[in-house]
Amino acid sequence: MLPQMMPLPWLMVFLFIFICVYSVSLYFSFFSFDNSAYTKNFKSNSNPLPW
């Protein structure tokens, strides 16, 4: 019942959305790295960076 409905469309849509969100988040992290709010949020989560 489920294995005929489940694998192709939902898995492809989920992987596509996940890859899009992951690439967009990586792009924004590289693009707005020296933004003050992002670096403040990044420093609060990890150890302080030299810059």
PDB file of N, CA and C in Angstrom:
ATOM      1  N   MET A   1       0.841  -1.206   0.000  1.00  0.00           N
ATOM      2  CA  MET A   1       0.000   0.000   0.000  1.00  0.00           C
ATOM      3  C   MET A   1       0.882   1.265   0.000  1.00  0.00           C
ATOM      4  N   LEU A   2       1.618   1.458   1.111  1.00  0.00           N
ATOM      5  CA  LEU A   2       2.481   2.638   1.200  1.00  0.00           C
ATOM      6  C   LEU A   2       3.710   2.580   0.288  1.00  0.00           C
ATOM      7  N   PRO A   3       4.396   1.425   0.169  1.00  0.00           N
ATOM      8  CA  PRO A   3       5.604   1.435  -0.665  1.00  0.00           C
ATOM      9  C   PRO A   3       5.380   1.814  -2.120  1.00  0.00           C
ATOM     10  N   GLN A   4       4.165   1.696  -2.640  1.00  0.00           N
ATOM     11  CA  GLN A   4       3.922   2.132  -4.012  1.00  0.00           C
ATOM     12  C   GLN A   4       3.713   3.642  -4.088  1.00  0.00           C
ATOM     13  N   MET A   5       3.115   4.218  -3.066  1.00  0.00           N
ATOM     14  CA  MET A   5       2.879   5.659  -3.057  1.00  0.00           C
ATOM     15  C   MET A   5       4.121   6.433  -2.598  1.00  0.00           C
ATOM     16  N   MET A   6       4.815   5.879  -1.628  1.00  0.00           N
ATOM     17  CA  MET A   6       5.823   6.647  -0.910  1.00  0.00           C
ATOM     18  C   MET A   6       7.088   6.970  -1.709  1.00  0.00           C
ATOM     19  N   PRO A   7       7.817   6.013  -2.295  1.00  0.00           N
ATOM     20  CA  PRO A   7       9.228   6.260  -2.552  1.00  0.00           C
ATOM     21  C   PRO A   7       9.538   7.383  -3.526  1.00  0.00           C
ATOM     22  N   LEU A   8       8.949   7.355  -4.724  1.00  0.00           N
ATOM     23  CA  LEU A   8       9.440   8.276  -5.744  1.00  0.00           C
ATOM     24  C   LEU A   8       9.068   9.725  -5.488  1.00  0.00           C
ATOM     25  N   PRO A   9       7.790  10.117  -5.391  1.00  0.00           N
ATOM     26  CA  PRO A   9       7.519  11.565  -5.348  1.00  0.00           C
ATOM     27  C   PRO A   9       7.925  12.220  -4.038  1.00  0.00           C
ATOM     28  N   TRP A  10       7.574  11.612  -2.912  1.00  0.00           N
ATOM     29  CA  TRP A  10       7.836  12.272  -1.633  1.00  0.00           C
ATOM     30  C   TRP A  10       9.323  12.323  -1.326  1.00  0.00           C
ATOM     31  N   LEU A  11      10.036  11.251  -1.676  1.00  0.00           N
ATOM     32  CA  LEU A  11      11.469  11.226  -1.407  1.00  0.00           C
ATOM     33  C   LEU A  11      12.213  12.226  -2.282  1.00  0.00           C
ATOM     34  N   MET A  12      11.810  12.324  -3.548  1.00  0.00           N
ATOM     35  CA  MET A  12      12.460  13.282  -4.442  1.00  0.00           C
ATOM     36  C   MET A  12      12.164  14.712  -4.023  1.00  0.00           C
ATOM     37  N   VAL A  13      10.924  14.987  -3.629  1.00  0.00           N
ATOM     38  CA  VAL A  13      10.561  16.340  -3.182  1.00  0.00           C
ATOM     39  C   VAL A  13      11.296  16.685  -1.892  1.00  0.00           C
ATOM     40  N   PHE A  14      11.393  15.731  -0.979  1.00  0.00           N
ATOM     41  CA  PHE A  14      12.087  15.979   0.285  1.00  0.00           C
ATOM     42  C   PHE A  14      13.573  16.226   0.061  1.00  0.00           C
ATOM     43  N   LEU A  15      14.192  15.419  -0.800  1.00  0.00           N
ATOM     44  CA  LEU A  15      15.610  15.617  -1.083  1.00  0.00           C
ATOM     45  C   LEU A  15      15.851  16.932  -1.805  1.00  0.00           C
ATOM     46  N   PHE A  16      14.957  17.300  -2.712  1.00  0.00           N
ATOM     47  CA  PHE A  16      15.117  18.551  -3.445  1.00  0.00           C
ATOM     48  C   PHE A  16      14.997  19.751  -2.509  1.00  0.00           C
ATOM     49  N   ILE A  17      14.006  19.725  -1.618  1.00  0.00           N
ATOM     50  CA  ILE A  17      13.828  20.825  -0.665  1.00  0.00           C
ATOM     51  C   ILE A  17      15.006  20.879   0.306  1.00  0.00           C
ATOM     52  N   PHE A  18      15.484  19.717   0.744  1.00  0.00           N
ATOM     53  CA  PHE A  18      16.602  19.693   1.685  1.00  0.00           C
ATOM     54  C   PHE A  18      17.872  20.234   1.043  1.00  0.00           C
ATOM     55  N   ILE A  19      18.147  19.851  -0.205  1.00  0.00           N
ATOM     56  CA  ILE A  19      19.343  20.337  -0.898  1.00  0.00           C
ATOM     57  C   ILE A  19      19.233  21.829  -1.174  1.00  0.00           C
ATOM     58  N   CYS A  20      18.050  22.296  -1.527  1.00  0.00           N
ATOM     59  CA  CYS A  20      17.863  23.735  -1.767  1.00  0.00           C
ATOM     60  C   CYS A  20      18.077  24.533  -0.489  1.00  0.00           C
ATOM     61  N   VAL A  21      17.489  24.093   0.613  1.00  0.00           N
ATOM     62  CA  VAL A  21      17.636  24.824   1.877  1.00  0.00           C
ATOM     63  C   VAL A  21      19.084  24.777   2.353  1.00  0.00           C
ATOM     64  N   TYR A  22      19.743  23.639   2.167  1.00  0.00           N
ATOM     65  CA  TYR A  22      21.132  23.509   2.606  1.00  0.00           C
ATOM     66  C   TYR A  22      22.065  24.390   1.782  1.00  0.00           C
ATOM     67  N   SER A  23      21.849  24.441   0.471  1.00  0.00           N
ATOM     68  CA  SER A  23      22.699  25.277  -0.376  1.00  0.00           C
ATOM     69  C   SER A  23      22.442  26.760  -0.129  1.00  0.00           C
ATOM     70  N   VAL A  24      21.181  27.129   0.102  1.00  0.00           N
ATOM     71  CA  VAL A  24      20.864  28.532   0.378  1.00  0.00           C
ATOM     72  C   VAL A  24      21.461  28.957   1.721  1.00  0.00           C
ATOM     73  N   SER A  25      21.409  28.073   2.705  1.00  0.00           N
ATOM     74  CA  SER A  25      21.995  28.427   4.006  1.00  0.00           C
ATOM     75  C   SER A  25      23.514  28.538   3.917  1.00  0.00           C
ATOM     76  N   LEU A  26      24.140  27.664   3.132  1.00  0.00           N
ATOM     77  CA  LEU A  26      25.579  27.790   2.927  1.00  0.00           C
ATOM     78  C   LEU A  26      25.913  29.065   2.173  1.00  0.00           C
ATOM     79  N   TYR A  27      25.089  29.417   1.174  1.00  0.00           N
ATOM     80  CA  TYR A  27      25.345  30.630   0.406  1.00  0.00           C
ATOM     81  C   TYR A  27      25.217  31.872   1.278  1.00  0.00           C
ATOM     82  N   PHE A  28      24.201  31.888   2.146  1.00  0.00           N
ATOM     83  CA  PHE A  28      24.034  33.053   3.010  1.00  0.00           C
ATOM     84  C   PHE A  28      25.116  33.109   4.085  1.00  0.00           C
ATOM     85  N   SER A  29      25.583  31.950   4.529  1.00  0.00           N
ATOM     86  CA  SER A  29      26.645  31.969   5.538  1.00  0.00           C
ATOM     87  C   SER A  29      27.954  32.472   4.941  1.00  0.00           C
ATOM     88  N   PHE A  30      28.215  32.149   3.670  1.00  0.00           N
ATOM     89  CA  PHE A  30      29.416  32.688   3.029  1.00  0.00           C
ATOM     90  C   PHE A  30      29.233  34.137   2.606  1.00  0.00           C
ATOM     91  N   PHE A  31      28.015  34.500   2.224  1.00  0.00           N
ATOM     92  CA  PHE A  31      27.787  35.846   1.685  1.00  0.00           C
ATOM     93  C   PHE A  31      27.758  36.886   2.788  1.00  0.00           C
ATOM     94  N   SER A  32      27.023  36.606   3.855  1.00  0.00           N
ATOM     95  CA  SER A  32      26.881  37.588   4.931  1.00  0.00           C
ATOM     96  C   SER A  32      27.690  37.158   6.150  1.00  0.00           C
ATOM     97  N   PHE A  33      28.942  36.755   5.920  1.00  0.00           N
ATOM     98  CA  PHE A  33      29.766  36.290   7.027  1.00  0.00           C
ATOM     99  C   PHE A  33      30.220  37.449   7.902  1.00  0.00           C
ATOM    100  N   ASP A  34      30.519  38.610   7.300  1.00  0.00           N
ATOM    101  CA  ASP A  34      30.952  39.751   8.091  1.00  0.00           C
ATOM    102  C   ASP A  34      29.796  40.691   8.395  1.00  0.00           C
ATOM    103  N   ASN A  35      28.604  40.161   8.469  1.00  0.00           N
ATOM    104  CA  ASN A  35      27.472  40.931   8.978  1.00  0.00           C
ATOM    105  C   ASN A  35      27.509  40.862  10.508  1.00  0.00           C
ATOM    106  N   SER A  36      27.202  41.977  11.162  1.00  0.00           N
ATOM    107  CA  SER A  36      27.411  42.057  12.609  1.00  0.00           C
ATOM    108  C   SER A  36      26.470  41.113  13.362  1.00  0.00           C
ATOM    109  N   ALA A  37      25.205  41.046  12.941  1.00  0.00           N
ATOM    110  CA  ALA A  37      24.245  40.193  13.636  1.00  0.00           C
ATOM    111  C   ALA A  37      24.607  38.716  13.440  1.00  0.00           C
ATOM    112  N   TYR A  38      25.049  38.361  12.239  1.00  0.00           N
ATOM    113  CA  TYR A  38      25.392  36.960  11.987  1.00  0.00           C
ATOM    114  C   TYR A  38      26.655  36.562  12.752  1.00  0.00           C
ATOM    115  N   THR A  39      27.650  37.442  12.782  1.00  0.00           N
ATOM    116  CA  THR A  39      28.871  37.098  13.510  1.00  0.00           C
ATOM    117  C   THR A  39      28.614  37.065  15.012  1.00  0.00           C
ATOM    118  N   LYS A  40      27.710  37.911  15.491  1.00  0.00           N
ATOM    119  CA  LYS A  40      27.363  37.886  16.910  1.00  0.00           C
ATOM    120  C   LYS A  40      26.651  36.574  17.260  1.00  0.00           C
ATOM    121  N   ASN A  41      25.755  36.149  16.376  1.00  0.00           N
ATOM    122  CA  ASN A  41      25.060  34.886  16.600  1.00  0.00           C
ATOM    123  C   ASN A  41      26.031  33.710  16.475  1.00  0.00           C
ATOM    124  N   PHE A  42      26.982  33.820  15.564  1.00  0.00           N
ATOM    125  CA  PHE A  42      27.958  32.751  15.376  1.00  0.00           C
ATOM    126  C   PHE A  42      28.920  32.680  16.558  1.00  0.00           C
ATOM    127  N   LYS A  43      29.303  33.825  17.096  1.00  0.00           N
ATOM    128  CA  LYS A  43      30.209  33.824  18.242  1.00  0.00           C
ATOM    129  C   LYS A  43      29.514  33.296  19.496  1.00  0.00           C
ATOM    130  N   SER A  44      28.222  33.522  19.622  1.00  0.00           N
ATOM    131  CA  SER A  44      27.518  33.038  20.803  1.00  0.00           C
ATOM    132  C   SER A  44      27.402  31.516  20.781  1.00  0.00           C
ATOM    133  N   ASN A  45      27.378  30.927  19.576  1.00  0.00           N
ATOM    134  CA  ASN A  45      27.245  29.481  19.484  1.00  0.00           C
ATOM    135  C   ASN A  45      28.594  28.776  19.591  1.00  0.00           C
ATOM    136  N   SER A  46      29.670  29.384  19.102  1.00  0.00           N
ATOM    137  CA  SER A  46      30.973  28.742  19.115  1.00  0.00           C
ATOM    138  C   SER A  46      31.963  29.608  19.880  1.00  0.00           C
ATOM    139  N   ASN A  47      33.202  29.163  19.919  1.00  0.00           N
ATOM    140  CA  ASN A  47      34.227  29.942  20.606  1.00  0.00           C
ATOM    141  C   ASN A  47      34.541  31.219  19.819  1.00  0.00           C
ATOM    142  N   PRO A  48      34.943  32.293  20.478  1.00  0.00           N
ATOM    143  CA  PRO A  48      35.117  33.586  19.805  1.00  0.00           C
ATOM    144  C   PRO A  48      36.214  33.553  18.747  1.00  0.00           C
ATOM    145  N   LEU A  49      35.908  34.174  17.629  1.00  0.00           N
ATOM    146  CA  LEU A  49      36.852  34.231  16.519  1.00  0.00           C
ATOM    147  C   LEU A  49      37.790  35.422  16.680  1.00  0.00           C
ATOM    148  N   PRO A  50      38.988  35.364  16.097  1.00  0.00           N
ATOM    149  CA  PRO A  50      39.926  36.488  16.233  1.00  0.00           C
ATOM    150  C   PRO A  50      39.433  37.777  15.602  1.00  0.00           C
ATOM    151  N   TRP A  51      38.591  37.677  14.586  1.00  0.00           N
ATOM    152  CA  TRP A  51      38.035  38.882  13.997  1.00  0.00           C
ATOM    153  C   TRP A  51      36.599  39.024  14.445  1.00  0.00           C
TER     154      TRP A  51
END
